[in-house]
């Protein structure tokens, strides 16, 4: 039954595969916002903001230098074959490293992208 669901993905940043991650989350994309008008409600288009975050597992050899990721490309390939390409990728936040004492040390790395599969901002 598990073969009916996407259960893993591969992440690549600037051609280098990132294998030390525990989770991947693609950010929601807002395309319009509600606007209050005099006697009704309308919508206003907004600039699309693409992004994603990784629950990065810090390897024993030391972490990747995330501060060096700028105007990069990132690709995500899901196990069902779907490929998502991000362009103009920047790291916006390198989170605190945390551990529960039993599992590996992780930190959340947040990325913003100018494009997603050819969609521009």
PDB file of N, CA and C in Angstrom:
ATOM      1  N   UNK A   1       0.812  -1.189   0.000  1.00  0.00           N
ATOM      2  CA  UNK A   1       0.000   0.000   0.000  1.00  0.00           C
ATOM      3  C   UNK A   1       0.862   1.262   0.000  1.00  0.00           C
ATOM      4  N   UNK A   2       2.043   1.216   0.605  1.00  0.00           N
ATOM      5  CA  UNK A   2       2.909   2.392   0.666  1.00  0.00           C
ATOM      6  C   UNK A   2       3.379   2.824  -0.712  1.00  0.00           C
ATOM      7  N   UNK A   3       3.348   1.946  -1.710  1.00  0.00           N
ATOM      8  CA  UNK A   3       3.792   2.317  -3.045  1.00  0.00           C
ATOM      9  C   UNK A   3       2.832   3.301  -3.711  1.00  0.00           C
ATOM     10  N   UNK A   4       1.682   3.555  -3.117  1.00  0.00           N
ATOM     11  CA  UNK A   4       0.709   4.497  -3.665  1.00  0.00           C
ATOM     12  C   UNK A   4       0.971   5.918  -3.207  1.00  0.00           C
ATOM     13  N   UNK A   5       1.924   6.131  -2.337  1.00  0.00           N
ATOM     14  CA  UNK A   5       2.192   7.439  -1.760  1.00  0.00           C
ATOM     15  C   UNK A   5       3.645   7.826  -1.979  1.00  0.00           C
ATOM     16  N   UNK A   6       3.880   9.140  -2.088  1.00  0.00           N
ATOM     17  CA  UNK A   6       5.260   9.628  -2.143  1.00  0.00           C
ATOM     18  C   UNK A   6       5.809   9.563  -0.730  1.00  0.00           C
ATOM     19  N   UNK A   7       6.893   8.844  -0.546  1.00  0.00           N
ATOM     20  CA  UNK A   7       7.452   8.686   0.799  1.00  0.00           C
ATOM     21  C   UNK A   7       8.866   9.234   0.932  1.00  0.00           C
ATOM     22  N   UNK A   8       9.462   9.615  -0.171  1.00  0.00           N
ATOM     23  CA  UNK A   8      10.811  10.182  -0.073  1.00  0.00           C
ATOM     24  C   UNK A   8      11.059  11.105  -1.261  1.00  0.00           C
ATOM     25  N   UNK A   9      12.105  11.901  -1.162  1.00  0.00           N
ATOM     26  CA  UNK A   9      12.509  12.754  -2.276  1.00  0.00           C
ATOM     27  C   UNK A   9      14.014  12.929  -2.219  1.00  0.00           C
ATOM     28  N   UNK A  10      14.591  13.358  -3.342  1.00  0.00           N
ATOM     29  CA  UNK A  10      16.015  13.661  -3.430  1.00  0.00           C
ATOM     30  C   UNK A  10      16.147  15.160  -3.658  1.00  0.00           C
ATOM     31  N   UNK A  11      17.098  15.778  -2.984  1.00  0.00           N
ATOM     32  CA  UNK A  11      17.293  17.224  -3.111  1.00  0.00           C
ATOM     33  C   UNK A  11      18.701  17.484  -3.632  1.00  0.00           C
ATOM     34  N   UNK A  12      18.796  18.385  -4.597  1.00  0.00           N
ATOM     35  CA  UNK A  12      20.072  18.741  -5.201  1.00  0.00           C
ATOM     36  C   UNK A  12      20.183  20.262  -5.220  1.00  0.00           C
ATOM     37  N   UNK A  13      21.306  20.802  -4.738  1.00  0.00           N
ATOM     38  CA  UNK A  13      21.536  22.247  -4.739  1.00  0.00           C
ATOM     39  C   UNK A  13      22.822  22.501  -5.508  1.00  0.00           C
ATOM     40  N   UNK A  14      22.725  23.293  -6.576  1.00  0.00           N
ATOM     41  CA  UNK A  14      23.865  23.603  -7.450  1.00  0.00           C
ATOM     42  C   UNK A  14      24.578  22.347  -7.940  1.00  0.00           C
ATOM     43  N   UNK A  15      23.820  21.322  -8.266  1.00  0.00           N
ATOM     44  CA  UNK A  15      24.399  20.093  -8.808  1.00  0.00           C
ATOM     45  C   UNK A  15      24.926  19.131  -7.768  1.00  0.00           C
ATOM     46  N   UNK A  16      24.957  19.520  -6.499  1.00  0.00           N
ATOM     47  CA  UNK A  16      25.420  18.633  -5.434  1.00  0.00           C
ATOM     48  C   UNK A  16      24.222  18.060  -4.692  1.00  0.00           C
ATOM     49  N   UNK A  17      24.189  16.743  -4.600  1.00  0.00           N
ATOM     50  CA  UNK A  17      23.061  16.110  -3.927  1.00  0.00           C
ATOM     51  C   UNK A  17      23.187  16.284  -2.414  1.00  0.00           C
ATOM     52  N   UNK A  18      22.089  16.711  -1.790  1.00  0.00           N
ATOM     53  CA  UNK A  18      22.033  16.848  -0.335  1.00  0.00           C
ATOM     54  C   UNK A  18      21.354  15.585   0.187  1.00  0.00           C
ATOM     55  N   UNK A  19      22.113  14.763   0.894  1.00  0.00           N
ATOM     56  CA  UNK A  19      21.557  13.498   1.390  1.00  0.00           C
ATOM     57  C   UNK A  19      21.303  13.541   2.890  1.00  0.00           C
ATOM     58  N   UNK A  20      21.866  14.524   3.564  1.00  0.00           N
ATOM     59  CA  UNK A  20      21.753  14.607   5.018  1.00  0.00           C
ATOM     60  C   UNK A  20      20.551  15.450   5.422  1.00  0.00           C
ATOM     61  N   UNK A  21      19.354  14.974   5.097  1.00  0.00           N
ATOM     62  CA  UNK A  21      18.180  15.690   5.556  1.00  0.00           C
ATOM     63  C   UNK A  21      17.111  14.710   5.985  1.00  0.00           C
ATOM     64  N   UNK A  22      16.303  15.170   6.898  1.00  0.00           N
ATOM     65  CA  UNK A  22      15.277  14.343   7.522  1.00  0.00           C
ATOM     66  C   UNK A  22      13.887  14.684   6.998  1.00  0.00           C
ATOM     67  N   UNK A  23      13.702  15.919   6.550  1.00  0.00           N
ATOM     68  CA  UNK A  23      12.411  16.346   6.056  1.00  0.00           C
ATOM     69  C   UNK A  23      12.541  17.464   5.049  1.00  0.00           C
ATOM     70  N   UNK A  24      11.555  17.548   4.162  1.00  0.00           N
ATOM     71  CA  UNK A  24      11.497  18.586   3.133  1.00  0.00           C
ATOM     72  C   UNK A  24      10.085  19.142   3.138  1.00  0.00           C
ATOM     73  N   UNK A  25       9.961  20.471   3.116  1.00  0.00           N
ATOM     74  CA  UNK A  25       8.647  21.110   3.078  1.00  0.00           C
ATOM     75  C   UNK A  25       8.669  22.205   2.026  1.00  0.00           C
ATOM     76  N   UNK A  26       7.758  22.110   1.061  1.00  0.00           N
ATOM     77  CA  UNK A  26       7.635  23.189   0.080  1.00  0.00           C
ATOM     78  C   UNK A  26       6.670  24.218   0.649  1.00  0.00           C
ATOM     79  N   UNK A  27       7.049  25.480   0.565  1.00  0.00           N
ATOM     80  CA  UNK A  27       6.237  26.564   1.129  1.00  0.00           C
ATOM     81  C   UNK A  27       4.959  26.769   0.324  1.00  0.00           C
ATOM     82  N   UNK A  28       3.937  27.241   1.007  1.00  0.00           N
ATOM     83  CA  UNK A  28       2.706  27.631   0.329  1.00  0.00           C
ATOM     84  C   UNK A  28       2.992  28.859  -0.526  1.00  0.00           C
ATOM     85  N   UNK A  29       2.276  29.006  -1.641  1.00  0.00           N
ATOM     86  CA  UNK A  29       2.456  30.148  -2.537  1.00  0.00           C
ATOM     87  C   UNK A  29       1.165  30.946  -2.559  1.00  0.00           C
ATOM     88  N   UNK A  30       1.231  32.193  -2.134  1.00  0.00           N
ATOM     89  CA  UNK A  30       0.070  33.080  -2.165  1.00  0.00           C
ATOM     90  C   UNK A  30       0.052  33.783  -3.510  1.00  0.00           C
ATOM     91  N   UNK A  31      -1.102  33.765  -4.195  1.00  0.00           N
ATOM     92  CA  UNK A  31      -1.212  34.412  -5.504  1.00  0.00           C
ATOM     93  C   UNK A  31      -2.087  35.658  -5.463  1.00  0.00           C
ATOM     94  N   UNK A  32      -2.969  35.753  -4.461  1.00  0.00           N
ATOM     95  CA  UNK A  32      -3.843  36.920  -4.333  1.00  0.00           C
ATOM     96  C   UNK A  32      -4.231  37.086  -2.867  1.00  0.00           C
ATOM     97  N   UNK A  33      -4.580  38.314  -2.498  1.00  0.00           N
ATOM     98  CA  UNK A  33      -5.028  38.611  -1.140  1.00  0.00           C
ATOM     99  C   UNK A  33      -6.397  39.262  -1.196  1.00  0.00           C
ATOM    100  N   UNK A  34      -7.248  38.961  -0.212  1.00  0.00           N
ATOM    101  CA  UNK A  34      -8.541  39.637  -0.182  1.00  0.00           C
ATOM    102  C   UNK A  34      -8.365  41.121   0.168  1.00  0.00           C
ATOM    103  N   UNK A  35      -9.180  41.946  -0.469  1.00  0.00           N
ATOM    104  CA  UNK A  35      -9.127  43.393  -0.243  1.00  0.00           C
ATOM    105  C   UNK A  35     -10.542  43.868   0.062  1.00  0.00           C
ATOM    106  N   UNK A  36     -10.704  44.599   1.142  1.00  0.00           N
ATOM    107  CA  UNK A  36     -12.011  45.166   1.470  1.00  0.00           C
ATOM    108  C   UNK A  36     -12.268  46.385   0.605  1.00  0.00           C
ATOM    109  N   UNK A  37     -13.402  46.350  -0.092  1.00  0.00           N
ATOM    110  CA  UNK A  37     -13.830  47.482  -0.907  1.00  0.00           C
ATOM    111  C   UNK A  37     -15.007  48.156  -0.209  1.00  0.00           C
ATOM    112  N   UNK A  38     -15.481  49.240  -0.739  1.00  0.00           N
ATOM    113  CA  UNK A  38     -16.523  50.004  -0.072  1.00  0.00           C
ATOM    114  C   UNK A  38     -17.771  49.163   0.245  1.00  0.00           C
ATOM    115  N   UNK A  39     -18.288  48.437  -0.735  1.00  0.00           N
ATOM    116  CA  UNK A  39     -19.498  47.658  -0.493  1.00  0.00           C
ATOM    117  C   UNK A  39     -19.328  46.185  -0.851  1.00  0.00           C
ATOM    118  N   UNK A  40     -18.099  45.739  -0.996  1.00  0.00           N
ATOM    119  CA  UNK A  40     -17.873  44.334  -1.344  1.00  0.00           C
ATOM    120  C   UNK A  40     -16.434  43.956  -1.002  1.00  0.00           C
ATOM    121  N   UNK A  41     -16.072  42.793  -1.416  1.00  0.00           N
ATOM    122  CA  UNK A  41     -14.708  42.314  -1.219  1.00  0.00           C
ATOM    123  C   UNK A  41     -14.130  41.944  -2.571  1.00  0.00           C
ATOM    124  N   UNK A  42     -12.902  42.302  -2.802  1.00  0.00           N
ATOM    125  CA  UNK A  42     -12.223  41.950  -4.044  1.00  0.00           C
ATOM    126  C   UNK A  42     -10.918  41.250  -3.733  1.00  0.00           C
ATOM    127  N   UNK A  43     -10.113  41.044  -4.752  1.00  0.00           N
ATOM    128  CA  UNK A  43      -8.798  40.435  -4.560  1.00  0.00           C
ATOM    129  C   UNK A  43      -7.752  41.279  -5.269  1.00  0.00           C
ATOM    130  N   UNK A  44      -6.557  41.245  -4.734  1.00  0.00           N
ATOM    131  CA  UNK A  44      -5.424  41.928  -5.349  1.00  0.00           C
ATOM    132  C   UNK A  44      -4.338  40.902  -5.602  1.00  0.00           C
ATOM    133  N   UNK A  45      -3.764  40.914  -6.782  1.00  0.00           N
ATOM    134  CA  UNK A  45      -2.665  40.014  -7.113  1.00  0.00           C
ATOM    135  C   UNK A  45      -1.434  40.412  -6.296  1.00  0.00           C
ATOM    136  N   UNK A  46      -0.669  39.423  -5.881  1.00  0.00           N
ATOM    137  CA  UNK A  46       0.557  39.678  -5.138  1.00  0.00           C
ATOM    138  C   UNK A  46       1.712  38.955  -5.830  1.00  0.00           C
ATOM    139  N   UNK A  47       2.907  39.377  -5.533  1.00  0.00           N
ATOM    140  CA  UNK A  47       4.083  38.722  -6.079  1.00  0.00           C
ATOM    141  C   UNK A  47       4.197  37.328  -5.480  1.00  0.00           C
ATOM    142  N   UNK A  48       4.336  36.327  -6.339  1.00  0.00           N
ATOM    143  CA  UNK A  48       4.482  34.947  -5.859  1.00  0.00           C
ATOM    144  C   UNK A  48       5.831  34.801  -5.166  1.00  0.00           C
ATOM    145  N   UNK A  49       5.821  34.114  -4.054  1.00  0.00           N
ATOM    146  CA  UNK A  49       7.052  33.834  -3.305  1.00  0.00           C
ATOM    147  C   UNK A  49       7.185  32.326  -3.185  1.00  0.00           C
ATOM    148  N   UNK A  50       8.155  31.773  -3.885  1.00  0.00           N
ATOM    149  CA  UNK A  50       8.393  30.335  -3.848  1.00  0.00           C
ATOM    150  C   UNK A  50       9.443  30.035  -2.794  1.00  0.00           C
ATOM    151  N   UNK A  51       9.379  28.879  -2.222  1.00  0.00           N
ATOM    152  CA  UNK A  51      10.387  28.511  -1.239  1.00  0.00           C
ATOM    153  C   UNK A  51      10.195  27.110  -0.718  1.00  0.00           C
ATOM    154  N   UNK A  52      11.155  26.699   0.098  1.00  0.00           N
ATOM    155  CA  UNK A  52      11.110  25.392   0.723  1.00  0.00           C
ATOM    156  C   UNK A  52      12.034  25.392   1.928  1.00  0.00           C
ATOM    157  N   UNK A  53      11.899  24.382   2.754  1.00  0.00           N
ATOM    158  CA  UNK A  53      12.798  24.258   3.897  1.00  0.00           C
ATOM    159  C   UNK A  53      13.217  22.801   4.044  1.00  0.00           C
ATOM    160  N   UNK A  54      14.378  22.633   4.620  1.00  0.00           N
ATOM    161  CA  UNK A  54      14.941  21.303   4.882  1.00  0.00           C
ATOM    162  C   UNK A  54      15.162  21.144   6.372  1.00  0.00           C
ATOM    163  N   UNK A  55      14.850  19.974   6.891  1.00  0.00           N
ATOM    164  CA  UNK A  55      15.268  19.591   8.234  1.00  0.00           C
ATOM    165  C   UNK A  55      16.623  18.914   8.025  1.00  0.00           C
ATOM    166  N   UNK A  56      17.681  19.691   8.094  1.00  0.00           N
ATOM    167  CA  UNK A  56      19.035  19.239   7.775  1.00  0.00           C
ATOM    168  C   UNK A  56      19.645  18.501   8.946  1.00  0.00           C
ATOM    169  N   UNK A  57      20.151  17.296   8.695  1.00  0.00           N
ATOM    170  CA  UNK A  57      20.833  16.501   9.709  1.00  0.00           C
ATOM    171  C   UNK A  57      22.324  16.834   9.617  1.00  0.00           C
ATOM    172  N   UNK A  58      22.885  17.340  10.692  1.00  0.00           N
ATOM    173  CA  UNK A  58      24.288  17.755  10.691  1.00  0.00           C
ATOM    174  C   UNK A  58      25.178  16.515  10.757  1.00  0.00           C
ATOM    175  N   UNK A  59      25.998  16.277   9.714  1.00  0.00           N
ATOM    176  CA  UNK A  59      26.863  15.087   9.715  1.00  0.00           C
ATOM    177  C   UNK A  59      28.051  15.244  10.664  1.00  0.00           C
ATOM    178  N   UNK A  60      28.642  14.127  11.027  1.00  0.00           N
ATOM    179  CA  UNK A  60      29.800  14.129  11.934  1.00  0.00           C
ATOM    180  C   UNK A  60      30.974  14.919  11.344  1.00  0.00           C
ATOM    181  N   UNK A  61      31.070  14.969  10.006  1.00  0.00           N
ATOM    182  CA  UNK A  61      32.179  15.669   9.359  1.00  0.00           C
ATOM    183  C   UNK A  61      31.995  17.175   9.349  1.00  0.00           C
ATOM    184  N   UNK A  62      30.833  17.653   9.793  1.00  0.00           N
ATOM    185  CA  UNK A  62      30.565  19.080   9.841  1.00  0.00           C
ATOM    186  C   UNK A  62      29.489  19.474   8.843  1.00  0.00           C
ATOM    187  N   UNK A  63      28.816  20.590   9.097  1.00  0.00           N
ATOM    188  CA  UNK A  63      27.705  21.000   8.249  1.00  0.00           C
ATOM    189  C   UNK A  63      28.150  21.615   6.923  1.00  0.00           C
ATOM    190  N   UNK A  64      27.228  21.653   5.983  1.00  0.00           N
ATOM    191  CA  UNK A  64      27.423  22.365   4.721  1.00  0.00           C
ATOM    192  C   UNK A  64      27.452  23.857   5.038  1.00  0.00           C
ATOM    193  N   UNK A  65      28.213  24.627   4.277  1.00  0.00           N
ATOM    194  CA  UNK A  65      28.240  26.079   4.452  1.00  0.00           C
ATOM    195  C   UNK A  65      27.029  26.673   3.743  1.00  0.00           C
ATOM    196  N   UNK A  66      25.896  26.715   4.430  1.00  0.00           N
ATOM    197  CA  UNK A  66      24.654  27.203   3.833  1.00  0.00           C
ATOM    198  C   UNK A  66      24.711  28.688   3.518  1.00  0.00           C
ATOM    199  N   UNK A  67      25.595  29.428   4.190  1.00  0.00           N
ATOM    200  CA  UNK A  67      25.692  30.868   3.969  1.00  0.00           C
ATOM    201  C   UNK A  67      26.228  31.185   2.574  1.00  0.00           C
ATOM    202  N   UNK A  68      26.822  30.198   1.916  1.00  0.00           N
ATOM    203  CA  UNK A  68      27.401  30.385   0.595  1.00  0.00           C
ATOM    204  C   UNK A  68      26.396  30.134  -0.536  1.00  0.00           C
ATOM    205  N   UNK A  69      25.182  29.681  -0.214  1.00  0.00           N
ATOM    206  CA  UNK A  69      24.169  29.404  -1.236  1.00  0.00           C
ATOM    207  C   UNK A  69      23.497  30.717  -1.616  1.00  0.00           C
ATOM    208  N   UNK A  70      23.766  31.172  -2.843  1.00  0.00           N
ATOM    209  CA  UNK A  70      23.230  32.435  -3.318  1.00  0.00           C
ATOM    210  C   UNK A  70      23.010  32.355  -4.821  1.00  0.00           C
ATOM    211  N   UNK A  71      21.855  32.820  -5.292  1.00  0.00           N
ATOM    212  CA  UNK A  71      21.469  32.770  -6.702  1.00  0.00           C
ATOM    213  C   UNK A  71      21.749  31.384  -7.277  1.00  0.00           C
ATOM    214  N   UNK A  72      21.258  30.386  -6.587  1.00  0.00           N
ATOM    215  CA  UNK A  72      21.528  28.989  -6.920  1.00  0.00           C
ATOM    216  C   UNK A  72      20.327  28.332  -7.578  1.00  0.00           C
ATOM    217  N   UNK A  73      20.504  27.079  -7.944  1.00  0.00           N
ATOM    218  CA  UNK A  73      19.397  26.264  -8.440  1.00  0.00           C
ATOM    219  C   UNK A  73      19.222  25.085  -7.501  1.00  0.00           C
ATOM    220  N   UNK A  74      17.992  24.647  -7.364  1.00  0.00           N
ATOM    221  CA  UNK A  74      17.703  23.476  -6.530  1.00  0.00           C
ATOM    222  C   UNK A  74      16.675  22.619  -7.255  1.00  0.00           C
ATOM    223  N   UNK A  75      16.857  21.318  -7.182  1.00  0.00           N
ATOM    224  CA  UNK A  75      15.920  20.380  -7.793  1.00  0.00           C
ATOM    225  C   UNK A  75      15.484  19.382  -6.748  1.00  0.00           C
ATOM    226  N   UNK A  76      14.209  19.039  -6.783  1.00  0.00           N
ATOM    227  CA  UNK A  76      13.651  18.035  -5.890  1.00  0.00           C
ATOM    228  C   UNK A  76      13.009  16.981  -6.774  1.00  0.00           C
ATOM    229  N   UNK A  77      13.400  15.726  -6.578  1.00  0.00           N
ATOM    230  CA  UNK A  77      12.816  14.628  -7.346  1.00  0.00           C
ATOM    231  C   UNK A  77      12.119  13.708  -6.357  1.00  0.00           C
ATOM    232  N   UNK A  78      10.811  13.573  -6.526  1.00  0.00           N
ATOM    233  CA  UNK A  78      10.021  12.698  -5.663  1.00  0.00           C
ATOM    234  C   UNK A  78      10.090  11.270  -6.181  1.00  0.00           C
ATOM    235  N   UNK A  79       9.824  10.309  -5.326  1.00  0.00           N
ATOM    236  CA  UNK A  79       9.934   8.908  -5.736  1.00  0.00           C
ATOM    237  C   UNK A  79       8.867   8.473  -6.735  1.00  0.00           C
ATOM    238  N   UNK A  80       7.898   9.340  -7.024  1.00  0.00           N
ATOM    239  CA  UNK A  80       6.923   9.032  -8.079  1.00  0.00           C
ATOM    240  C   UNK A  80       7.386   9.590  -9.425  1.00  0.00           C
ATOM    241  N   UNK A  81       8.601  10.180  -9.471  1.00  0.00           N
ATOM    242  CA  UNK A  81       9.172  10.702 -10.704  1.00  0.00           C
ATOM    243  C   UNK A  81       8.947  12.186 -10.916  1.00  0.00           C
ATOM    244  N   UNK A  82       8.088  12.836 -10.130  1.00  0.00           N
ATOM    245  CA  UNK A  82       7.847  14.270 -10.287  1.00  0.00           C
ATOM    246  C   UNK A  82       9.114  15.044  -9.936  1.00  0.00           C
ATOM    247  N   UNK A  83       9.455  16.016 -10.776  1.00  0.00           N
ATOM    248  CA  UNK A  83      10.644  16.845 -10.555  1.00  0.00           C
ATOM    249  C   UNK A  83      10.206  18.298 -10.412  1.00  0.00           C
ATOM    250  N   UNK A  84      10.703  18.956  -9.391  1.00  0.00           N
ATOM    251  CA  UNK A  84      10.424  20.371  -9.155  1.00  0.00           C
ATOM    252  C   UNK A  84      11.766  21.100  -9.166  1.00  0.00           C
ATOM    253  N   UNK A  85      11.888  22.103 -10.040  1.00  0.00           N
ATOM    254  CA  UNK A  85      13.122  22.879 -10.150  1.00  0.00           C
ATOM    255  C   UNK A  85      12.875  24.294  -9.647  1.00  0.00           C
ATOM    256  N   UNK A  86      13.768  24.768  -8.797  1.00  0.00           N
ATOM    257  CA  UNK A  86      13.716  26.122  -8.269  1.00  0.00           C
ATOM    258  C   UNK A  86      14.909  26.891  -8.819  1.00  0.00           C
ATOM    259  N   UNK A  87      14.710  28.151  -9.203  1.00  0.00           N
ATOM    260  CA  UNK A  87      15.793  28.994  -9.694  1.00  0.00           C
ATOM    261  C   UNK A  87      15.941  30.238  -8.841  1.00  0.00           C
ATOM    262  N   UNK A  88      17.115  30.828  -8.852  1.00  0.00           N
ATOM    263  CA  UNK A  88      17.370  32.028  -8.060  1.00  0.00           C
ATOM    264  C   UNK A  88      17.235  31.764  -6.568  1.00  0.00           C
ATOM    265  N   UNK A  89      17.721  30.621  -6.127  1.00  0.00           N
ATOM    266  CA  UNK A  89      17.557  30.185  -4.735  1.00  0.00           C
ATOM    267  C   UNK A  89      18.530  30.907  -3.816  1.00  0.00           C
ATOM    268  N   UNK A  90      17.995  31.390  -2.709  1.00  0.00           N
ATOM    269  CA  UNK A  90      18.784  32.038  -1.659  1.00  0.00           C
ATOM    270  C   UNK A  90      18.413  31.411  -0.322  1.00  0.00           C
ATOM    271  N   UNK A  91      19.375  31.264   0.554  1.00  0.00           N
ATOM    272  CA  UNK A  91      19.085  30.825   1.915  1.00  0.00           C
ATOM    273  C   UNK A  91      18.621  32.048   2.693  1.00  0.00           C
ATOM    274  N   UNK A  92      17.437  31.970   3.285  1.00  0.00           N
ATOM    275  CA  UNK A  92      16.924  33.107   4.042  1.00  0.00           C
ATOM    276  C   UNK A  92      17.101  32.938   5.539  1.00  0.00           C
ATOM    277  N   UNK A  93      17.217  31.688   5.995  1.00  0.00           N
ATOM    278  CA  UNK A  93      17.397  31.468   7.432  1.00  0.00           C
ATOM    279  C   UNK A  93      18.081  30.134   7.687  1.00  0.00           C
ATOM    280  N   UNK A  94      19.081  30.170   8.539  1.00  0.00           N
ATOM    281  CA  UNK A  94      19.732  28.962   9.032  1.00  0.00           C
ATOM    282  C   UNK A  94      19.332  28.849  10.494  1.00  0.00           C
ATOM    283  N   UNK A  95      18.469  27.883  10.784  1.00  0.00           N
ATOM    284  CA  UNK A  95      17.908  27.755  12.125  1.00  0.00           C
ATOM    285  C   UNK A  95      18.899  27.227  13.143  1.00  0.00           C
ATOM    286  N   UNK A  96      18.458  27.238  14.391  1.00  0.00           N
ATOM    287  CA  UNK A  96      19.269  26.715  15.480  1.00  0.00           C
ATOM    288  C   UNK A  96      19.381  25.208  15.366  1.00  0.00           C
ATOM    289  N   UNK A  97      20.517  24.674  15.749  1.00  0.00           N
ATOM    290  CA  UNK A  97      20.705  23.225  15.774  1.00  0.00           C
ATOM    291  C   UNK A  97      20.100  22.686  17.058  1.00  0.00           C
ATOM    292  N   UNK A  98      19.388  21.557  16.932  1.00  0.00           N
ATOM    293  CA  UNK A  98      18.773  20.980  18.124  1.00  0.00           C
ATOM    294  C   UNK A  98      18.841  19.457  18.072  1.00  0.00           C
ATOM    295  N   UNK A  99      18.819  18.862  19.240  1.00  0.00           N
ATOM    296  CA  UNK A  99      18.793  17.409  19.365  1.00  0.00           C
ATOM    297  C   UNK A  99      18.028  17.059  20.621  1.00  0.00           C
ATOM    298  N   UNK A 100      17.485  15.840  20.645  1.00  0.00           N
ATOM    299  CA  UNK A 100      16.777  15.399  21.844  1.00  0.00           C
ATOM    300  C   UNK A 100      17.640  14.465  22.684  1.00  0.00           C
ATOM    301  N   UNK A 101      18.901  14.321  22.312  1.00  0.00           N
ATOM    302  CA  UNK A 101      19.817  13.479  23.068  1.00  0.00           C
ATOM    303  C   UNK A 101      19.822  12.035  22.616  1.00  0.00           C
ATOM    304  N   UNK A 102      18.827  11.630  21.832  1.00  0.00           N
ATOM    305  CA  UNK A 102      18.767  10.262  21.337  1.00  0.00           C
ATOM    306  C   UNK A 102      18.887  10.186  19.829  1.00  0.00           C
ATOM    307  N   UNK A 103      18.429  11.230  19.150  1.00  0.00           N
ATOM    308  CA  UNK A 103      18.464  11.252  17.694  1.00  0.00           C
ATOM    309  C   UNK A 103      19.512  12.233  17.213  1.00  0.00           C
ATOM    310  N   UNK A 104      19.706  12.275  15.901  1.00  0.00           N
ATOM    311  CA  UNK A 104      20.709  13.147  15.312  1.00  0.00           C
ATOM    312  C   UNK A 104      20.381  14.623  15.523  1.00  0.00           C
ATOM    313  N   UNK A 105      21.423  15.452  15.419  1.00  0.00           N
ATOM    314  CA  UNK A 105      21.248  16.889  15.555  1.00  0.00           C
ATOM    315  C   UNK A 105      20.730  17.432  14.227  1.00  0.00           C
ATOM    316  N   UNK A 106      19.673  18.235  14.280  1.00  0.00           N
ATOM    317  CA  UNK A 106      19.066  18.791  13.062  1.00  0.00           C
ATOM    318  C   UNK A 106      18.930  20.303  13.181  1.00  0.00           C
ATOM    319  N   UNK A 107      18.849  20.952  12.033  1.00  0.00           N
ATOM    320  CA  UNK A 107      18.545  22.371  11.996  1.00  0.00           C
ATOM    321  C   UNK A 107      17.708  22.632  10.738  1.00  0.00           C
ATOM    322  N   UNK A 108      16.831  23.606  10.837  1.00  0.00           N
ATOM    323  CA  UNK A 108      15.973  23.947   9.713  1.00  0.00           C
ATOM    324  C   UNK A 108      16.657  25.007   8.873  1.00  0.00           C
ATOM    325  N   UNK A 109      16.782  24.722   7.577  1.00  0.00           N
ATOM    326  CA  UNK A 109      17.346  25.658   6.617  1.00  0.00           C
ATOM    327  C   UNK A 109      16.195  26.105   5.726  1.00  0.00           C
ATOM    328  N   UNK A 110      15.953  27.416   5.639  1.00  0.00           N
ATOM    329  CA  UNK A 110      14.839  27.954   4.865  1.00  0.00           C
ATOM    330  C   UNK A 110      15.381  28.644   3.619  1.00  0.00           C
ATOM    331  N   UNK A 111      14.768  28.345   2.475  1.00  0.00           N
ATOM    332  CA  UNK A 111      15.189  28.862   1.180  1.00  0.00           C
ATOM    333  C   UNK A 111      14.059  29.653   0.533  1.00  0.00           C
ATOM    334  N   UNK A 112      14.415  30.660  -0.255  1.00  0.00           N
ATOM    335  CA  UNK A 112      13.464  31.393  -1.076  1.00  0.00           C
ATOM    336  C   UNK A 112      13.950  31.269  -2.515  1.00  0.00           C
ATOM    337  N   UNK A 113      13.010  31.205  -3.473  1.00  0.00           N
ATOM    338  CA  UNK A 113      13.378  31.049  -4.875  1.00  0.00           C
ATOM    339  C   UNK A 113      12.626  32.052  -5.737  1.00  0.00           C
ATOM    340  N   UNK A 114      13.268  32.494  -6.805  1.00  0.00           N
ATOM    341  CA  UNK A 114      12.640  33.433  -7.737  1.00  0.00           C
ATOM    342  C   UNK A 114      11.688  32.706  -8.679  1.00  0.00           C
ATOM    343  N   UNK A 115      12.004  31.465  -9.013  1.00  0.00           N
ATOM    344  CA  UNK A 115      11.169  30.693  -9.944  1.00  0.00           C
ATOM    345  C   UNK A 115      10.953  29.266  -9.436  1.00  0.00           C
ATOM    346  N   UNK A 116       9.873  28.675  -9.915  1.00  0.00           N
ATOM    347  CA  UNK A 116       9.579  27.260  -9.639  1.00  0.00           C
ATOM    348  C   UNK A 116       9.106  26.661 -10.951  1.00  0.00           C
ATOM    349  N   UNK A 117       9.873  25.731 -11.498  1.00  0.00           N
ATOM    350  CA  UNK A 117       9.553  25.094 -12.783  1.00  0.00           C
ATOM    351  C   UNK A 117       9.178  26.112 -13.857  1.00  0.00           C
ATOM    352  N   UNK A 118       9.947  27.190 -13.936  1.00  0.00           N
ATOM    353  CA  UNK A 118       9.721  28.185 -14.983  1.00  0.00           C
ATOM    354  C   UNK A 118       8.730  29.282 -14.616  1.00  0.00           C
ATOM    355  N   UNK A 119       8.013  29.145 -13.499  1.00  0.00           N
ATOM    356  CA  UNK A 119       7.102  30.215 -13.075  1.00  0.00           C
ATOM    357  C   UNK A 119       7.929  31.351 -12.498  1.00  0.00           C
ATOM    358  N   UNK A 120       7.743  32.546 -12.999  1.00  0.00           N
ATOM    359  CA  UNK A 120       8.468  33.699 -12.472  1.00  0.00           C
ATOM    360  C   UNK A 120       7.675  34.329 -11.343  1.00  0.00           C
ATOM    361  N   UNK A 121       8.363  35.161 -10.571  1.00  0.00           N
ATOM    362  CA  UNK A 121       7.709  35.885  -9.470  1.00  0.00           C
ATOM    363  C   UNK A 121       6.554  36.705  -9.988  1.00  0.00           C
TER     364      UNK A 121
END
